[in-house]
Amino acid sequence: MLVCFKDAGFEEIFGLNIVEALACGTPVVSISTWGADNIIVNGKNGFVEDTPEKVAERVKSIVDGTVKLSPEFCRKSAEAFSRERVSKEYEVILKGVLGGSRW
């Protein structure tokens, strides 16, 4: 299991470490950040919580077996962030920026 917290107030924009853990079949428990909120499906491949205390509770529930998360679902959810798919999405965003839209 991967446990993620904000680093001295740094707001994770994507969360590559989260996707890497999921690709290995490892569930993730994280404090709420942009990256975690966009990747983790609560109760399926991990949990996003608002406080360190709630993160600790989720970790405990996974460790003691109260909550079971599928390694297969974790791996499958990481596939949504393939190099090919993300590259295409960046291309669309960057073309929009060149056309005058805001980042």
N, C-alpha and C. Protein backbone atom coordinates (compact mmCIF):
# COMPACT_ATOMS: atom_id res chain seq x y z
N MET A 1 0.85 -1.17 0.00
CA MET A 1 0.00 0.00 0.00
C MET A 1 0.89 1.24 0.00
N LEU A 2 0.49 2.23 -0.80
CA LEU A 2 1.18 3.51 -0.82
C LEU A 2 0.34 4.50 -0.03
N VAL A 3 0.99 5.26 0.85
CA VAL A 3 0.31 6.29 1.63
C VAL A 3 0.93 7.63 1.23
N CYS A 4 0.10 8.59 0.80
CA CYS A 4 0.58 9.88 0.30
C CYS A 4 0.08 11.02 1.16
N PHE A 5 0.98 11.94 1.48
CA PHE A 5 0.65 13.18 2.17
C PHE A 5 1.21 14.34 1.38
N LYS A 6 0.71 15.54 1.63
CA LYS A 6 1.29 16.73 1.01
C LYS A 6 2.68 16.93 1.57
N ASP A 7 3.58 17.40 0.71
CA ASP A 7 4.96 17.63 1.11
C ASP A 7 5.16 19.12 1.38
N ALA A 8 5.16 19.49 2.65
CA ALA A 8 5.37 20.88 3.05
C ALA A 8 4.44 21.83 2.30
N GLY A 9 3.20 21.41 2.12
CA GLY A 9 2.23 22.26 1.46
C GLY A 9 2.21 22.15 -0.05
N PHE A 10 3.12 21.36 -0.63
CA PHE A 10 3.16 21.19 -2.09
C PHE A 10 1.92 20.45 -2.55
N GLU A 11 1.23 20.99 -3.52
CA GLU A 11 0.02 20.37 -4.06
C GLU A 11 0.39 19.54 -5.28
N GLU A 12 0.28 18.23 -5.17
CA GLU A 12 0.61 17.32 -6.28
C GLU A 12 -0.38 17.57 -7.42
N ILE A 13 0.14 17.86 -8.60
CA ILE A 13 -0.71 18.17 -9.74
C ILE A 13 -1.17 16.91 -10.45
N PHE A 14 -0.28 15.92 -10.57
CA PHE A 14 -0.69 14.70 -11.26
C PHE A 14 -0.63 13.49 -10.35
N GLY A 15 0.47 13.19 -9.79
CA GLY A 15 0.57 12.02 -8.91
C GLY A 15 1.10 10.80 -9.61
N LEU A 16 2.24 10.96 -10.28
CA LEU A 16 2.85 9.82 -10.97
C LEU A 16 3.13 8.67 -10.02
N ASN A 17 3.53 8.99 -8.79
CA ASN A 17 3.79 7.92 -7.81
C ASN A 17 2.53 7.10 -7.55
N ILE A 18 1.37 7.72 -7.62
CA ILE A 18 0.12 7.01 -7.41
C ILE A 18 -0.14 6.05 -8.56
N VAL A 19 0.02 6.53 -9.78
CA VAL A 19 -0.19 5.69 -10.95
C VAL A 19 0.81 4.53 -10.97
N GLU A 20 2.05 4.80 -10.61
CA GLU A 20 3.07 3.73 -10.57
C GLU A 20 2.69 2.66 -9.56
N ALA A 21 2.22 3.06 -8.39
CA ALA A 21 1.80 2.08 -7.39
C ALA A 21 0.62 1.26 -7.90
N LEU A 22 -0.36 1.92 -8.49
CA LEU A 22 -1.53 1.21 -9.02
C LEU A 22 -1.12 0.23 -10.12
N ALA A 23 -0.18 0.63 -10.96
CA ALA A 23 0.29 -0.25 -12.03
C ALA A 23 0.90 -1.54 -11.49
N CYS A 24 1.38 -1.48 -10.25
CA CYS A 24 1.94 -2.67 -9.59
C CYS A 24 0.88 -3.44 -8.82
N GLY A 25 -0.38 -2.98 -8.88
CA GLY A 25 -1.44 -3.65 -8.14
C GLY A 25 -1.53 -3.22 -6.69
N THR A 26 -0.91 -2.09 -6.38
CA THR A 26 -0.84 -1.60 -5.00
C THR A 26 -1.88 -0.52 -4.76
N PRO A 27 -2.78 -0.70 -3.80
CA PRO A 27 -3.75 0.36 -3.50
C PRO A 27 -3.07 1.57 -2.87
N VAL A 28 -3.75 2.72 -2.97
CA VAL A 28 -3.19 3.98 -2.48
C VAL A 28 -4.18 4.64 -1.53
N VAL A 29 -3.65 5.13 -0.41
CA VAL A 29 -4.43 5.95 0.52
C VAL A 29 -3.73 7.29 0.57
N SER A 30 -4.49 8.36 0.30
CA SER A 30 -3.86 9.67 0.18
C SER A 30 -4.68 10.75 0.86
N ILE A 31 -3.96 11.76 1.29
CA ILE A 31 -4.61 12.99 1.70
C ILE A 31 -5.10 13.64 0.40
N SER A 32 -6.15 14.41 0.43
CA SER A 32 -6.73 14.99 -0.76
C SER A 32 -5.80 15.99 -1.44
N THR A 33 -5.45 15.72 -2.68
CA THR A 33 -4.68 16.63 -3.54
C THR A 33 -5.24 16.51 -4.94
N TRP A 34 -4.91 17.45 -5.82
CA TRP A 34 -5.41 17.39 -7.18
C TRP A 34 -5.08 16.05 -7.82
N GLY A 35 -3.83 15.61 -7.70
CA GLY A 35 -3.42 14.36 -8.32
C GLY A 35 -4.19 13.17 -7.80
N ALA A 36 -4.29 13.06 -6.49
CA ALA A 36 -5.00 11.92 -5.89
C ALA A 36 -6.48 11.94 -6.23
N ASP A 37 -7.08 13.11 -6.18
CA ASP A 37 -8.51 13.23 -6.46
C ASP A 37 -8.86 12.81 -7.88
N ASN A 38 -7.93 12.97 -8.80
CA ASN A 38 -8.18 12.65 -10.21
C ASN A 38 -7.83 11.22 -10.58
N ILE A 39 -7.19 10.49 -9.69
CA ILE A 39 -6.72 9.14 -10.02
C ILE A 39 -7.39 8.07 -9.18
N ILE A 40 -7.54 8.32 -7.90
CA ILE A 40 -8.06 7.30 -6.99
C ILE A 40 -9.58 7.22 -7.05
N VAL A 41 -10.09 6.01 -7.17
CA VAL A 41 -11.53 5.75 -7.14
C VAL A 41 -11.82 5.19 -5.75
N ASN A 42 -12.42 6.03 -4.89
CA ASN A 42 -12.63 5.63 -3.49
C ASN A 42 -13.30 4.27 -3.36
N GLY A 43 -12.67 3.43 -2.57
CA GLY A 43 -13.21 2.10 -2.31
C GLY A 43 -12.90 1.07 -3.38
N LYS A 44 -12.27 1.49 -4.48
CA LYS A 44 -11.96 0.57 -5.58
C LYS A 44 -10.46 0.34 -5.71
N ASN A 45 -9.68 1.43 -5.80
CA ASN A 45 -8.23 1.28 -5.90
C ASN A 45 -7.51 2.02 -4.78
N GLY A 46 -8.28 2.51 -3.83
CA GLY A 46 -7.70 3.22 -2.69
C GLY A 46 -8.71 4.17 -2.09
N PHE A 47 -8.19 5.15 -1.36
CA PHE A 47 -9.05 6.14 -0.70
C PHE A 47 -8.36 7.49 -0.68
N VAL A 48 -9.17 8.54 -0.81
CA VAL A 48 -8.70 9.92 -0.63
C VAL A 48 -9.43 10.46 0.59
N GLU A 49 -8.67 10.98 1.53
CA GLU A 49 -9.24 11.50 2.77
C GLU A 49 -8.78 12.93 3.01
N ASP A 50 -9.51 13.64 3.86
CA ASP A 50 -9.23 15.05 4.12
C ASP A 50 -8.26 15.30 5.27
N THR A 51 -8.10 14.33 6.17
CA THR A 51 -7.24 14.55 7.33
C THR A 51 -6.28 13.37 7.52
N PRO A 52 -5.14 13.62 8.16
CA PRO A 52 -4.21 12.53 8.44
C PRO A 52 -4.85 11.43 9.30
N GLU A 53 -5.75 11.81 10.19
CA GLU A 53 -6.42 10.82 11.04
C GLU A 53 -7.29 9.87 10.21
N LYS A 54 -8.00 10.43 9.23
CA LYS A 54 -8.83 9.59 8.36
C LYS A 54 -7.97 8.70 7.48
N VAL A 55 -6.83 9.22 7.03
CA VAL A 55 -5.89 8.39 6.25
C VAL A 55 -5.45 7.21 7.11
N ALA A 56 -5.09 7.47 8.37
CA ALA A 56 -4.65 6.40 9.27
C ALA A 56 -5.75 5.36 9.46
N GLU A 57 -6.99 5.80 9.59
CA GLU A 57 -8.11 4.86 9.74
C GLU A 57 -8.25 3.97 8.51
N ARG A 58 -8.11 4.56 7.31
CA ARG A 58 -8.22 3.77 6.07
C ARG A 58 -7.08 2.76 5.97
N VAL A 59 -5.88 3.20 6.31
CA VAL A 59 -4.73 2.29 6.27
C VAL A 59 -4.99 1.11 7.20
N LYS A 60 -5.45 1.39 8.39
CA LYS A 60 -5.75 0.32 9.36
C LYS A 60 -6.79 -0.64 8.80
N SER A 61 -7.85 -0.11 8.16
CA SER A 61 -8.90 -0.98 7.65
C SER A 61 -8.40 -1.89 6.52
N ILE A 62 -7.43 -1.42 5.76
CA ILE A 62 -6.85 -2.26 4.70
C ILE A 62 -5.92 -3.30 5.30
N VAL A 63 -5.09 -2.87 6.25
CA VAL A 63 -4.14 -3.79 6.88
C VAL A 63 -4.86 -4.88 7.65
N ASP A 64 -5.93 -4.54 8.37
CA ASP A 64 -6.61 -5.57 9.18
C ASP A 64 -7.60 -6.40 8.36
N GLY A 65 -7.75 -6.07 7.06
CA GLY A 65 -8.60 -6.87 6.19
C GLY A 65 -10.06 -6.50 6.18
N THR A 66 -10.43 -5.46 6.94
CA THR A 66 -11.81 -5.00 6.94
C THR A 66 -12.23 -4.54 5.54
N VAL A 67 -11.30 -3.88 4.84
CA VAL A 67 -11.52 -3.42 3.47
C VAL A 67 -10.57 -4.18 2.56
N LYS A 68 -11.10 -4.75 1.49
CA LYS A 68 -10.27 -5.46 0.52
C LYS A 68 -10.35 -4.73 -0.81
N LEU A 69 -9.19 -4.40 -1.36
CA LEU A 69 -9.11 -3.71 -2.64
C LEU A 69 -8.43 -4.64 -3.65
N SER A 70 -8.98 -4.72 -4.83
CA SER A 70 -8.51 -5.65 -5.84
C SER A 70 -7.23 -5.17 -6.53
N PRO A 71 -6.16 -5.97 -6.46
CA PRO A 71 -4.94 -5.61 -7.20
C PRO A 71 -5.21 -5.52 -8.70
N GLU A 72 -6.11 -6.35 -9.20
CA GLU A 72 -6.44 -6.32 -10.63
C GLU A 72 -7.10 -4.99 -11.01
N PHE A 73 -8.01 -4.50 -10.17
CA PHE A 73 -8.64 -3.21 -10.44
C PHE A 73 -7.62 -2.09 -10.36
N CYS A 74 -6.69 -2.19 -9.40
CA CYS A 74 -5.63 -1.18 -9.28
C CYS A 74 -4.83 -1.12 -10.58
N ARG A 75 -4.39 -2.28 -11.07
CA ARG A 75 -3.61 -2.33 -12.32
C ARG A 75 -4.42 -1.78 -13.49
N LYS A 76 -5.68 -2.17 -13.58
CA LYS A 76 -6.55 -1.73 -14.68
C LYS A 76 -6.74 -0.20 -14.64
N SER A 77 -6.90 0.35 -13.45
CA SER A 77 -7.11 1.80 -13.35
C SER A 77 -5.87 2.58 -13.77
N ALA A 78 -4.70 2.01 -13.62
CA ALA A 78 -3.46 2.69 -14.05
C ALA A 78 -3.38 2.76 -15.57
N GLU A 79 -4.02 1.82 -16.26
CA GLU A 79 -3.98 1.80 -17.73
C GLU A 79 -4.63 3.05 -18.33
N ALA A 80 -5.50 3.69 -17.58
CA ALA A 80 -6.14 4.92 -18.07
C ALA A 80 -5.11 6.04 -18.27
N PHE A 81 -3.92 5.88 -17.71
CA PHE A 81 -2.89 6.90 -17.80
C PHE A 81 -1.72 6.44 -18.66
N SER A 82 -2.04 5.69 -19.71
CA SER A 82 -0.99 5.22 -20.62
C SER A 82 -0.32 6.41 -21.31
N ARG A 83 0.89 6.21 -21.73
CA ARG A 83 1.64 7.24 -22.43
C ARG A 83 0.87 7.73 -23.67
N GLU A 84 0.28 6.79 -24.38
CA GLU A 84 -0.44 7.13 -25.60
C GLU A 84 -1.64 8.02 -25.31
N ARG A 85 -2.45 7.63 -24.35
CA ARG A 85 -3.65 8.40 -24.04
C ARG A 85 -3.32 9.78 -23.49
N VAL A 86 -2.38 9.83 -22.57
CA VAL A 86 -2.03 11.11 -21.94
C VAL A 86 -1.39 12.04 -22.98
N SER A 87 -0.57 11.50 -23.87
CA SER A 87 0.05 12.32 -24.92
C SER A 87 -1.02 12.96 -25.80
N LYS A 88 -2.03 12.19 -26.16
CA LYS A 88 -3.11 12.72 -26.99
C LYS A 88 -3.87 13.82 -26.25
N GLU A 89 -4.10 13.63 -24.98
CA GLU A 89 -4.81 14.65 -24.21
C GLU A 89 -3.99 15.94 -24.09
N TYR A 90 -2.67 15.80 -23.88
CA TYR A 90 -1.81 16.98 -23.84
C TYR A 90 -1.81 17.71 -25.17
N GLU A 91 -1.81 16.95 -26.25
CA GLU A 91 -1.84 17.57 -27.58
C GLU A 91 -3.09 18.43 -27.75
N VAL A 92 -4.22 17.93 -27.33
CA VAL A 92 -5.48 18.69 -27.42
C VAL A 92 -5.39 19.96 -26.56
N ILE A 93 -4.88 19.81 -25.36
CA ILE A 93 -4.76 20.97 -24.45
C ILE A 93 -3.83 22.02 -25.04
N LEU A 94 -2.67 21.58 -25.52
CA LEU A 94 -1.69 22.53 -26.05
C LEU A 94 -2.17 23.21 -27.31
N LYS A 95 -2.90 22.51 -28.16
CA LYS A 95 -3.49 23.15 -29.35
C LYS A 95 -4.49 24.21 -28.92
N GLY A 96 -5.23 23.93 -27.87
CA GLY A 96 -6.15 24.93 -27.35
C GLY A 96 -5.44 26.16 -26.83
N VAL A 97 -4.32 25.96 -26.14
CA VAL A 97 -3.54 27.08 -25.62
C VAL A 97 -3.01 27.91 -26.78
N LEU A 98 -2.51 27.24 -27.83
CA LEU A 98 -2.03 27.97 -29.00
C LEU A 98 -3.16 28.77 -29.67
N GLY A 99 -4.37 28.25 -29.55
CA GLY A 99 -5.53 28.93 -30.12
C GLY A 99 -6.09 30.02 -29.22
N GLY A 100 -5.51 30.22 -28.08
CA GLY A 100 -5.92 31.32 -27.20
C GLY A 100 -6.66 30.93 -25.94
N SER A 101 -6.95 29.64 -25.75
CA SER A 101 -7.64 29.26 -24.51
C SER A 101 -6.66 29.33 -23.34
N ARG A 102 -7.23 29.43 -22.17
CA ARG A 102 -6.40 29.49 -20.96
C ARG A 102 -5.90 28.10 -20.60
N TRP A 103 -4.77 28.03 -19.97
CA TRP A 103 -4.17 26.77 -19.51
C TRP A 103 -5.06 26.22 -18.49
